[in-house]
Amino acid sequence: MQYADDTQLSISGKKGSLPQLIASLEETLDSLDEWFHCHGLKVNTNKTELILFGSSQNCRNLAPISVRFRQDAVPERPTVRNLGVIFDRHLTWDAHVSALVNKCYGILIGLSHVRHCIPSDLLPIIVNALVISHVRYCLAVFGNGTKTNMNRLQKIQNFALRVISGRRKFDRISGVRGELGWPTVPQLHEQHCLTLLHKIIITGKPQALASRLQPNSELRSRNTRQDTDLALPPGRVNTNAGFRRFFYRTVQCYNTLPAEVKETGIASFKSAVASLLAERERE
């Protein structure tokens, strides 16, 4: 996987085949290093990182691993940063949310000290640009963590609303959110996920994700009222992490949308979903 000057290698397999996976990864690294060298590109081994992903059960009792790259050993790291998002070993996103909370609270505390110098009509724009934009970025990825993390993200928004309105810590701010037209963070997360899924369905891209989507009519021999719905992904979903998976949780939510919303184009779908979620909250 490549993005700009960043190249990532991923390899998967069973826990018992870990030595073979490491050997295969090292062989691939050697091939890539040779290709880069032949094309005048330099790879910085000091910036090369390694992380092992797996459930807490699968990773239990595993000794730390490393791979050989050139003459150096690249040790396993507990977290790695990928395009601004911090990935941890079990994909709990705890490290990313903690870093995000610290960053946003630092900005908000600074803004709270100078809010009296900022015109009231500009303050929401500044807070949205400097703080809420960080919460929105890749929310569809890290927003499927625990309820605790979602509550921490919501507290960022609550603090932002208090900075904008000047209200105290224990004052209600739902009215301020309504005046600004801001959805809650859980609503924002749901909106982002549904918009992403809708875009994948319409464009068929990226193909790796689109290929995992199938309507029920292709999997059932008899007609039912759910033929037009998307089939929930197979596999183990009898755990909290399984239910939080993007393709399970988002497909399940997408199937509940009215037909007229599903039939809208990409440009109008986001606003239609936002209106629908706001209406459901009022009910």
C-alpha atoms as a PDB file:
ATOM      1  CA  MET A   1       0.000   0.000   0.000  1.00  0.00           C
ATOM      2  CA  GLN A   2       1.430   3.333  -1.048  1.00  0.00           C
ATOM      3  CA  TYR A   3       0.502   6.940  -0.417  1.00  0.00           C
ATOM      4  CA  ALA A   4       2.844   9.655  -1.690  1.00  0.00           C
ATOM      5  CA  ASP A   5       6.310   8.686  -0.391  1.00  0.00           C
ATOM      6  CA  ASP A   6       4.954   6.249   2.209  1.00  0.00           C
ATOM      7  CA  THR A   7       5.044   2.504   1.506  1.00  0.00           C
ATOM      8  CA  GLN A   8       3.414  -0.045   3.808  1.00  0.00           C
ATOM      9  CA  LEU A   9       3.624  -3.822   3.772  1.00  0.00           C
ATOM     10  CA  SER A  10       1.039  -6.037   5.419  1.00  0.00           C
ATOM     11  CA  ILE A  11       1.025  -9.797   5.770  1.00  0.00           C
ATOM     12  CA  SER A  12      -1.429 -11.971   7.672  1.00  0.00           C
ATOM     13  CA  GLY A  13      -1.616 -15.539   8.865  1.00  0.00           C
ATOM     14  CA  LYS A  14      -2.195 -17.765  11.833  1.00  0.00           C
ATOM     15  CA  LYS A  15      -0.393 -17.349  15.128  1.00  0.00           C
ATOM     16  CA  GLY A  16       1.493 -20.615  14.656  1.00  0.00           C
ATOM     17  CA  SER A  17       2.966 -19.482  11.330  1.00  0.00           C
ATOM     18  CA  LEU A  18       4.531 -16.310  12.750  1.00  0.00           C
ATOM     19  CA  PRO A  19       8.168 -17.381  11.982  1.00  0.00           C
ATOM     20  CA  GLN A  20       7.229 -18.039   8.345  1.00  0.00           C
ATOM     21  CA  LEU A  21       5.411 -14.696   8.150  1.00  0.00           C
ATOM     22  CA  ILE A  22       8.474 -12.861   9.456  1.00  0.00           C
ATOM     23  CA  ALA A  23      10.719 -14.638   6.921  1.00  0.00           C
ATOM     24  CA  SER A  24       8.337 -13.735   4.093  1.00  0.00           C
ATOM     25  CA  LEU A  25       8.238 -10.108   5.229  1.00  0.00           C
ATOM     26  CA  GLU A  26      12.025  -9.907   5.333  1.00  0.00           C
ATOM     27  CA  GLU A  27      12.256 -11.361   1.818  1.00  0.00           C
ATOM     28  CA  THR A  28       9.781  -8.762   0.553  1.00  0.00           C
ATOM     29  CA  LEU A  29      11.729  -5.972   2.256  1.00  0.00           C
ATOM     30  CA  ASP A  30      14.909  -7.112   0.511  1.00  0.00           C
ATOM     31  CA  SER A  31      13.149  -7.097  -2.866  1.00  0.00           C
ATOM     32  CA  LEU A  32      11.730  -3.633  -2.280  1.00  0.00           C
ATOM     33  CA  ASP A  33      15.089  -2.300  -1.123  1.00  0.00           C
ATOM     34  CA  GLU A  34      16.696  -3.554  -4.318  1.00  0.00           C
ATOM     35  CA  TRP A  35      13.941  -1.964  -6.459  1.00  0.00           C
ATOM     36  CA  PHE A  36      14.235   1.367  -4.640  1.00  0.00           C
ATOM     37  CA  HIS A  37      18.019   1.332  -5.050  1.00  0.00           C
ATOM     38  CA  CYS A  38      17.781   0.615  -8.803  1.00  0.00           C
ATOM     39  CA  HIS A  39      15.413   3.564  -9.242  1.00  0.00           C
ATOM     40  CA  GLY A  40      17.484   6.056  -7.264  1.00  0.00           C
ATOM     41  CA  LEU A  41      15.265   6.059  -4.179  1.00  0.00           C
ATOM     42  CA  LYS A  42      16.570   5.963  -0.635  1.00  0.00           C
ATOM     43  CA  VAL A  43      14.793   4.196   2.200  1.00  0.00           C
ATOM     44  CA  ASN A  44      15.328   5.496   5.726  1.00  0.00           C
ATOM     45  CA  THR A  45      15.600   2.453   7.983  1.00  0.00           C
ATOM     46  CA  ASN A  46      15.345   4.670  11.066  1.00  0.00           C
ATOM     47  CA  LYS A  47      11.811   5.639  10.018  1.00  0.00           C
ATOM     48  CA  THR A  48      10.766   2.065   9.277  1.00  0.00           C
ATOM     49  CA  GLU A  49       8.323   0.759  11.881  1.00  0.00           C
ATOM     50  CA  LEU A  50       6.817  -2.628  12.668  1.00  0.00           C
ATOM     51  CA  ILE A  51       3.605  -3.458  14.478  1.00  0.00           C
ATOM     52  CA  LEU A  52       1.782  -6.718  15.076  1.00  0.00           C
ATOM     53  CA  PHE A  53      -2.018  -6.646  15.005  1.00  0.00           C
ATOM     54  CA  GLY A  54      -4.225  -9.185  16.723  1.00  0.00           C
ATOM     55  CA  SER A  55      -6.828  -9.693  19.399  1.00  0.00           C
ATOM     56  CA  SER A  56      -5.726  -9.725  23.024  1.00  0.00           C
ATOM     57  CA  GLN A  57      -6.370 -13.465  23.082  1.00  0.00           C
ATOM     58  CA  ASN A  58      -4.265 -14.196  19.991  1.00  0.00           C
ATOM     59  CA  CYS A  59      -1.413 -11.979  21.133  1.00  0.00           C
ATOM     60  CA  ARG A  60      -1.293 -13.426  24.629  1.00  0.00           C
ATOM     61  CA  ASN A  61       2.107 -14.908  25.571  1.00  0.00           C
ATOM     62  CA  LEU A  62       3.720 -13.719  22.319  1.00  0.00           C
ATOM     63  CA  ALA A  63       7.292 -12.545  22.725  1.00  0.00           C
ATOM     64  CA  PRO A  64       8.215  -9.228  21.064  1.00  0.00           C
ATOM     65  CA  ILE A  65       9.190  -9.730  17.423  1.00  0.00           C
ATOM     66  CA  SER A  66      11.500  -7.929  15.021  1.00  0.00           C
ATOM     67  CA  VAL A  67      12.389  -8.128  11.333  1.00  0.00           C
ATOM     68  CA  ARG A  68      15.730  -7.717   9.610  1.00  0.00           C
ATOM     69  CA  PHE A  69      15.998  -4.840   7.135  1.00  0.00           C
ATOM     70  CA  ARG A  70      19.438  -4.451   5.555  1.00  0.00           C
ATOM     71  CA  GLN A  71      21.829  -4.826   8.468  1.00  0.00           C
ATOM     72  CA  ASP A  72      19.402  -3.404  11.012  1.00  0.00           C
ATOM     73  CA  ALA A  73      16.740  -5.021  13.176  1.00  0.00           C
ATOM     74  CA  VAL A  74      13.372  -3.281  13.158  1.00  0.00           C
ATOM     75  CA  PRO A  75      11.712  -4.003  16.532  1.00  0.00           C
ATOM     76  CA  GLU A  76       7.990  -4.241  17.080  1.00  0.00           C
ATOM     77  CA  ARG A  77       6.351  -1.086  18.388  1.00  0.00           C
ATOM     78  CA  PRO A  78       3.210  -0.859  20.550  1.00  0.00           C
ATOM     79  CA  THR A  79       1.799   1.968  18.402  1.00  0.00           C
ATOM     80  CA  VAL A  80       2.504   3.442  14.965  1.00  0.00           C
ATOM     81  CA  ARG A  81       1.239   6.613  13.305  1.00  0.00           C
ATOM     82  CA  ASN A  82      -0.403   6.183   9.912  1.00  0.00           C
ATOM     83  CA  LEU A  83      -1.465   9.369   8.074  1.00  0.00           C
ATOM     84  CA  GLY A  84      -2.095  11.100  11.382  1.00  0.00           C
ATOM     85  CA  VAL A  85      -3.951   8.216  13.050  1.00  0.00           C
ATOM     86  CA  ILE A  86      -2.277   6.235  15.841  1.00  0.00           C
ATOM     87  CA  PHE A  87      -2.743   2.472  15.458  1.00  0.00           C
ATOM     88  CA  ASP A  88      -2.307   0.239  18.504  1.00  0.00           C
ATOM     89  CA  ARG A  89      -1.782  -3.513  18.634  1.00  0.00           C
ATOM     90  CA  HIS A  90      -5.425  -4.450  19.301  1.00  0.00           C
ATOM     91  CA  LEU A  91      -7.001  -1.559  17.338  1.00  0.00           C
ATOM     92  CA  THR A  92      -8.683  -0.170  20.437  1.00  0.00           C
ATOM     93  CA  TRP A  93      -7.711   3.376  19.311  1.00  0.00           C
ATOM     94  CA  ASP A  94      -7.086   4.304  22.962  1.00  0.00           C
ATOM     95  CA  ALA A  95      -3.704   5.864  22.162  1.00  0.00           C
ATOM     96  CA  HIS A  96      -5.125   7.925  19.303  1.00  0.00           C
ATOM     97  CA  VAL A  97      -8.073   9.207  21.331  1.00  0.00           C
ATOM     98  CA  SER A  98      -5.778  10.097  24.242  1.00  0.00           C
ATOM     99  CA  ALA A  99      -3.473  12.079  21.947  1.00  0.00           C
ATOM    100  CA  LEU A 100      -6.480  13.743  20.308  1.00  0.00           C
ATOM    101  CA  VAL A 101      -8.011  14.709  23.658  1.00  0.00           C
ATOM    102  CA  ASN A 102      -4.749  16.253  24.892  1.00  0.00           C
ATOM    103  CA  LYS A 103      -4.300  18.204  21.680  1.00  0.00           C
ATOM    104  CA  CYS A 104      -7.865  19.536  21.540  1.00  0.00           C
ATOM    105  CA  TYR A 105      -8.018  20.413  25.237  1.00  0.00           C
ATOM    106  CA  GLY A 106      -4.780  22.378  24.919  1.00  0.00           C
ATOM    107  CA  ILE A 107      -6.214  24.409  22.040  1.00  0.00           C
ATOM    108  CA  LEU A 108      -9.543  24.960  23.819  1.00  0.00           C
ATOM    109  CA  ILE A 109      -7.892  26.112  27.038  1.00  0.00           C
ATOM    110  CA  GLY A 110      -5.898  28.636  25.059  1.00  0.00           C
ATOM    111  CA  LEU A 111      -9.012  29.864  23.250  1.00  0.00           C
ATOM    112  CA  SER A 112     -10.920  30.158  26.524  1.00  0.00           C
ATOM    113  CA  HIS A 113      -8.325  32.626  27.806  1.00  0.00           C
ATOM    114  CA  VAL A 114      -8.630  34.897  24.766  1.00  0.00           C
ATOM    115  CA  ARG A 115     -12.279  34.413  23.821  1.00  0.00           C
ATOM    116  CA  HIS A 116     -13.115  37.926  25.041  1.00  0.00           C
ATOM    117  CA  CYS A 117     -10.819  39.281  22.306  1.00  0.00           C
ATOM    118  CA  ILE A 118     -12.505  37.322  19.514  1.00  0.00           C
ATOM    119  CA  PRO A 119     -15.762  38.483  17.861  1.00  0.00           C
ATOM    120  CA  SER A 120     -18.592  36.189  18.914  1.00  0.00           C
ATOM    121  CA  ASP A 121     -19.558  35.406  15.315  1.00  0.00           C
ATOM    122  CA  LEU A 122     -16.001  34.281  14.505  1.00  0.00           C
ATOM    123  CA  LEU A 123     -15.503  32.098  17.572  1.00  0.00           C
ATOM    124  CA  PRO A 124     -17.557  29.100  16.281  1.00  0.00           C
ATOM    125  CA  ILE A 125     -15.650  29.203  12.987  1.00  0.00           C
ATOM    126  CA  ILE A 126     -12.281  29.238  14.769  1.00  0.00           C
ATOM    127  CA  VAL A 127     -13.237  26.438  17.168  1.00  0.00           C
ATOM    128  CA  ASN A 128     -14.596  24.351  14.301  1.00  0.00           C
ATOM    129  CA  ALA A 129     -11.412  24.821  12.279  1.00  0.00           C
ATOM    130  CA  LEU A 130      -8.872  24.328  15.079  1.00  0.00           C
ATOM    131  CA  VAL A 131     -10.618  21.686  17.213  1.00  0.00           C
ATOM    132  CA  ILE A 132     -13.634  19.945  15.703  1.00  0.00           C
ATOM    133  CA  SER A 133     -11.750  19.354  12.450  1.00  0.00           C
ATOM    134  CA  HIS A 134      -9.364  17.072  14.389  1.00  0.00           C
ATOM    135  CA  VAL A 135     -12.314  15.118  15.797  1.00  0.00           C
ATOM    136  CA  ARG A 136     -13.849  14.701  12.342  1.00  0.00           C
ATOM    137  CA  TYR A 137     -10.618  13.561  10.676  1.00  0.00           C
ATOM    138  CA  CYS A 138     -10.788   9.778  10.093  1.00  0.00           C
ATOM    139  CA  LEU A 139     -13.647   9.482  12.610  1.00  0.00           C
ATOM    140  CA  ALA A 140     -15.055   6.613  10.528  1.00  0.00           C
ATOM    141  CA  VAL A 141     -11.844   4.712  11.337  1.00  0.00           C
ATOM    142  CA  PHE A 142     -11.210   5.282  15.037  1.00  0.00           C
ATOM    143  CA  GLY A 143     -14.812   6.000  16.037  1.00  0.00           C
ATOM    144  CA  ASN A 144     -15.663   2.306  16.328  1.00  0.00           C
ATOM    145  CA  GLY A 145     -13.790   1.998  19.609  1.00  0.00           C
ATOM    146  CA  THR A 146     -15.271   1.680  23.072  1.00  0.00           C
ATOM    147  CA  LYS A 147     -18.095   3.771  24.514  1.00  0.00           C
ATOM    148  CA  THR A 148     -15.536   5.264  26.879  1.00  0.00           C
ATOM    149  CA  ASN A 149     -13.567   6.673  23.967  1.00  0.00           C
ATOM    150  CA  MET A 150     -16.724   8.008  22.337  1.00  0.00           C
ATOM    151  CA  ASN A 151     -17.638   9.740  25.600  1.00  0.00           C
ATOM    152  CA  ARG A 152     -14.171  11.314  25.710  1.00  0.00           C
ATOM    153  CA  LEU A 153     -14.674  12.647  22.187  1.00  0.00           C
ATOM    154  CA  GLN A 154     -18.083  14.022  23.126  1.00  0.00           C
ATOM    155  CA  LYS A 155     -16.517  15.854  26.069  1.00  0.00           C
ATOM    156  CA  ILE A 156     -14.222  17.638  23.616  1.00  0.00           C
ATOM    157  CA  GLN A 157     -17.263  18.940  21.760  1.00  0.00           C
ATOM    158  CA  ASN A 158     -18.989  19.886  25.019  1.00  0.00           C
ATOM    159  CA  PHE A 159     -15.933  21.877  26.104  1.00  0.00           C
ATOM    160  CA  ALA A 160     -15.828  23.541  22.675  1.00  0.00           C
ATOM    161  CA  LEU A 161     -19.471  24.586  23.027  1.00  0.00           C
ATOM    162  CA  ARG A 162     -18.761  26.075  26.458  1.00  0.00           C
ATOM    163  CA  VAL A 163     -15.834  28.048  25.068  1.00  0.00           C
ATOM    164  CA  ILE A 164     -18.087  29.408  22.314  1.00  0.00           C
ATOM    165  CA  SER A 165     -21.003  30.248  24.606  1.00  0.00           C
ATOM    166  CA  GLY A 166     -19.069  31.218  27.733  1.00  0.00           C
ATOM    167  CA  ARG A 167     -21.110  28.825  29.859  1.00  0.00           C
ATOM    168  CA  ARG A 168     -19.746  27.188  32.980  1.00  0.00           C
ATOM    169  CA  LYS A 169     -18.663  23.595  33.431  1.00  0.00           C
ATOM    170  CA  PHE A 170     -21.990  22.179  34.637  1.00  0.00           C
ATOM    171  CA  ASP A 171     -24.304  24.359  32.532  1.00  0.00           C
ATOM    172  CA  ARG A 172     -26.355  22.608  29.861  1.00  0.00           C
ATOM    173  CA  ILE A 173     -25.052  23.149  26.351  1.00  0.00           C
ATOM    174  CA  SER A 174     -27.541  21.163  24.237  1.00  0.00           C
ATOM    175  CA  GLY A 175     -29.266  24.426  23.317  1.00  0.00           C
ATOM    176  CA  VAL A 176     -25.967  25.884  22.082  1.00  0.00           C
ATOM    177  CA  ARG A 177     -25.379  22.782  19.957  1.00  0.00           C
ATOM    178  CA  GLY A 178     -28.854  23.157  18.485  1.00  0.00           C
ATOM    179  CA  GLU A 179     -28.302  26.826  17.644  1.00  0.00           C
ATOM    180  CA  LEU A 180     -25.059  26.012  15.848  1.00  0.00           C
ATOM    181  CA  GLY A 181     -26.579  22.982  14.102  1.00  0.00           C
ATOM    182  CA  TRP A 182     -23.804  20.684  15.309  1.00  0.00           C
ATOM    183  CA  PRO A 183     -24.560  16.957  15.552  1.00  0.00           C
ATOM    184  CA  THR A 184     -23.286  15.051  18.567  1.00  0.00           C
ATOM    185  CA  VAL A 185     -20.048  13.117  18.072  1.00  0.00           C
ATOM    186  CA  PRO A 186     -21.866   9.721  17.872  1.00  0.00           C
ATOM    187  CA  GLN A 187     -24.164  11.224  15.225  1.00  0.00           C
ATOM    188  CA  LEU A 188     -21.186  12.649  13.380  1.00  0.00           C
ATOM    189  CA  HIS A 189     -19.507   9.249  13.445  1.00  0.00           C
ATOM    190  CA  GLU A 190     -22.616   7.528  12.110  1.00  0.00           C
ATOM    191  CA  GLN A 191     -22.991  10.165   9.413  1.00  0.00           C
ATOM    192  CA  HIS A 192     -19.376   9.738   8.279  1.00  0.00           C
ATOM    193  CA  CYS A 193     -19.650   5.948   8.164  1.00  0.00           C
ATOM    194  CA  LEU A 194     -22.923   5.953   6.227  1.00  0.00           C
ATOM    195  CA  THR A 195     -21.614   8.544   3.758  1.00  0.00           C
ATOM    196  CA  LEU A 196     -18.472   6.485   3.178  1.00  0.00           C
ATOM    197  CA  LEU A 197     -20.495   3.296   2.652  1.00  0.00           C
ATOM    198  CA  HIS A 198     -22.882   5.046   0.253  1.00  0.00           C
ATOM    199  CA  LYS A 199     -19.939   6.362  -1.764  1.00  0.00           C
ATOM    200  CA  ILE A 200     -18.439   2.864  -1.960  1.00  0.00           C
ATOM    201  CA  ILE A 201     -21.763   1.448  -3.179  1.00  0.00           C
ATOM    202  CA  ILE A 202     -22.198   4.062  -5.919  1.00  0.00           C
ATOM    203  CA  THR A 203     -18.615   4.296  -7.177  1.00  0.00           C
ATOM    204  CA  GLY A 204     -17.482   0.723  -6.526  1.00  0.00           C
ATOM    205  CA  LYS A 205     -14.243   2.120  -5.136  1.00  0.00           C
ATOM    206  CA  PRO A 206     -12.075   1.176  -3.444  1.00  0.00           C
ATOM    207  CA  GLN A 207     -12.609  -2.235  -5.013  1.00  0.00           C
ATOM    208  CA  ALA A 208     -11.205  -4.039  -1.959  1.00  0.00           C
ATOM    209  CA  LEU A 209     -14.118  -2.701   0.107  1.00  0.00           C
ATOM    210  CA  ALA A 210     -16.775  -2.726  -2.610  1.00  0.00           C
ATOM    211  CA  SER A 211     -16.174  -6.432  -3.276  1.00  0.00           C
ATOM    212  CA  ARG A 212     -17.325  -7.226   0.257  1.00  0.00           C
ATOM    213  CA  LEU A 213     -20.792  -5.753  -0.289  1.00  0.00           C
ATOM    214  CA  GLN A 214     -23.602  -7.981  -1.548  1.00  0.00           C
ATOM    215  CA  PRO A 215     -27.395  -7.598  -1.550  1.00  0.00           C
ATOM    216  CA  ASN A 216     -29.393 -10.326   0.162  1.00  0.00           C
ATOM    217  CA  SER A 217     -30.971 -11.289  -3.174  1.00  0.00           C
ATOM    218  CA  GLU A 218     -27.620 -12.717  -4.342  1.00  0.00           C
ATOM    219  CA  LEU A 219     -27.309 -14.965  -1.300  1.00  0.00           C
ATOM    220  CA  ARG A 220     -30.877 -16.263  -0.898  1.00  0.00           C
ATOM    221  CA  SER A 221     -32.807 -18.692  -3.049  1.00  0.00           C
ATOM    222  CA  ARG A 222     -36.229 -17.306  -2.137  1.00  0.00           C
ATOM    223  CA  ASN A 223     -37.611 -13.785  -2.277  1.00  0.00           C
ATOM    224  CA  THR A 224     -38.027 -11.801   0.924  1.00  0.00           C
ATOM    225  CA  ARG A 225     -38.724  -8.212   1.886  1.00  0.00           C
ATOM    226  CA  GLN A 226     -35.041  -7.787   2.694  1.00  0.00           C
ATOM    227  CA  ASP A 227     -33.799  -8.668  -0.799  1.00  0.00           C
ATOM    228  CA  THR A 228     -32.643  -5.106  -1.476  1.00  0.00           C
ATOM    229  CA  ASP A 229     -30.836  -4.860   1.854  1.00  0.00           C
ATOM    230  CA  LEU A 230     -27.100  -5.414   2.058  1.00  0.00           C
ATOM    231  CA  ALA A 231     -26.049  -8.739   3.543  1.00  0.00           C
ATOM    232  CA  LEU A 232     -24.313  -8.542   6.891  1.00  0.00           C
ATOM    233  CA  PRO A 233     -20.715  -9.775   6.596  1.00  0.00           C
ATOM    234  CA  PRO A 234     -20.053 -13.371   7.631  1.00  0.00           C
ATOM    235  CA  GLY A 235     -17.575 -14.308  10.296  1.00  0.00           C
ATOM    236  CA  ARG A 236     -17.314 -14.085  14.037  1.00  0.00           C
ATOM    237  CA  VAL A 237     -19.357 -11.137  15.281  1.00  0.00           C
ATOM    238  CA  ASN A 238     -20.327 -12.529  18.673  1.00  0.00           C
ATOM    239  CA  THR A 239     -17.978 -10.148  20.459  1.00  0.00           C
ATOM    240  CA  ASN A 240     -18.158  -6.429  21.191  1.00  0.00           C
ATOM    241  CA  ALA A 241     -15.329  -5.806  18.741  1.00  0.00           C
ATOM    242  CA  GLY A 242     -17.145  -7.865  16.112  1.00  0.00           C
ATOM    243  CA  PHE A 243     -20.328  -5.837  16.447  1.00  0.00           C
ATOM    244  CA  ARG A 244     -18.305  -2.599  16.163  1.00  0.00           C
ATOM    245  CA  ARG A 245     -16.725  -3.609  12.855  1.00  0.00           C
ATOM    246  CA  PHE A 246     -17.332  -1.056  10.111  1.00  0.00           C
ATOM    247  CA  PHE A 247     -18.891  -3.533   7.699  1.00  0.00           C
ATOM    248  CA  TYR A 248     -21.206  -4.981  10.317  1.00  0.00           C
ATOM    249  CA  ARG A 249     -22.324  -1.898  12.196  1.00  0.00           C
ATOM    250  CA  THR A 250     -22.561   0.433   9.194  1.00  0.00           C
ATOM    251  CA  VAL A 251     -24.295  -2.068   6.895  1.00  0.00           C
ATOM    252  CA  GLN A 252     -26.799  -2.800   9.644  1.00  0.00           C
ATOM    253  CA  CYS A 253     -27.517   0.930  10.038  1.00  0.00           C
ATOM    254  CA  TYR A 254     -27.594   1.530   6.274  1.00  0.00           C
ATOM    255  CA  ASN A 255     -30.321  -1.105   5.866  1.00  0.00           C
ATOM    256  CA  THR A 256     -32.602   0.893   8.177  1.00  0.00           C
ATOM    257  CA  LEU A 257     -32.454   4.024   6.016  1.00  0.00           C
ATOM    258  CA  PRO A 258     -35.573   4.947   3.997  1.00  0.00           C
ATOM    259  CA  ALA A 259     -35.434   3.998   0.308  1.00  0.00           C
ATOM    260  CA  GLU A 260     -35.591   7.641  -0.780  1.00  0.00           C
ATOM    261  CA  VAL A 261     -32.421   8.407   1.198  1.00  0.00           C
ATOM    262  CA  LYS A 262     -30.521   5.439  -0.277  1.00  0.00           C
ATOM    263  CA  GLU A 263     -31.475   6.569  -3.780  1.00  0.00           C
ATOM    264  CA  THR A 264     -29.943  10.038  -3.421  1.00  0.00           C
ATOM    265  CA  GLY A 265     -26.633  10.946  -5.026  1.00  0.00           C
ATOM    266  CA  ILE A 266     -23.342  11.287  -3.200  1.00  0.00           C
ATOM    267  CA  ALA A 267     -23.593  15.080  -2.886  1.00  0.00           C
ATOM    268  CA  SER A 268     -27.065  15.127  -1.305  1.00  0.00           C
ATOM    269  CA  PHE A 269     -26.767  11.909   0.727  1.00  0.00           C
ATOM    270  CA  LYS A 270     -24.714  13.465   3.521  1.00  0.00           C
ATOM    271  CA  SER A 271     -27.220  16.250   4.208  1.00  0.00           C
ATOM    272  CA  ALA A 272     -30.142  13.809   3.938  1.00  0.00           C
ATOM    273  CA  VAL A 273     -28.571  11.518   6.541  1.00  0.00           C
ATOM    274  CA  ALA A 274     -27.745  14.475   8.802  1.00  0.00           C
ATOM    275  CA  SER A 275     -31.385  15.611   8.697  1.00  0.00           C
ATOM    276  CA  LEU A 276     -32.617  12.082   9.357  1.00  0.00           C
ATOM    277  CA  LEU A 277     -30.334  11.598  12.379  1.00  0.00           C
ATOM    278  CA  ALA A 278     -31.348  14.969  13.808  1.00  0.00           C
ATOM    279  CA  GLU A 279     -35.006  14.058  13.377  1.00  0.00           C
ATOM    280  CA  ARG A 280     -34.514  10.721  15.122  1.00  0.00           C
ATOM    281  CA  GLU A 281     -32.832  12.475  18.056  1.00  0.00           C
ATOM    282  CA  ARG A 282     -35.813  14.845  18.459  1.00  0.00           C
ATOM    283  CA  GLU A 283     -38.182  11.886  18.505  1.00  0.00           C
END
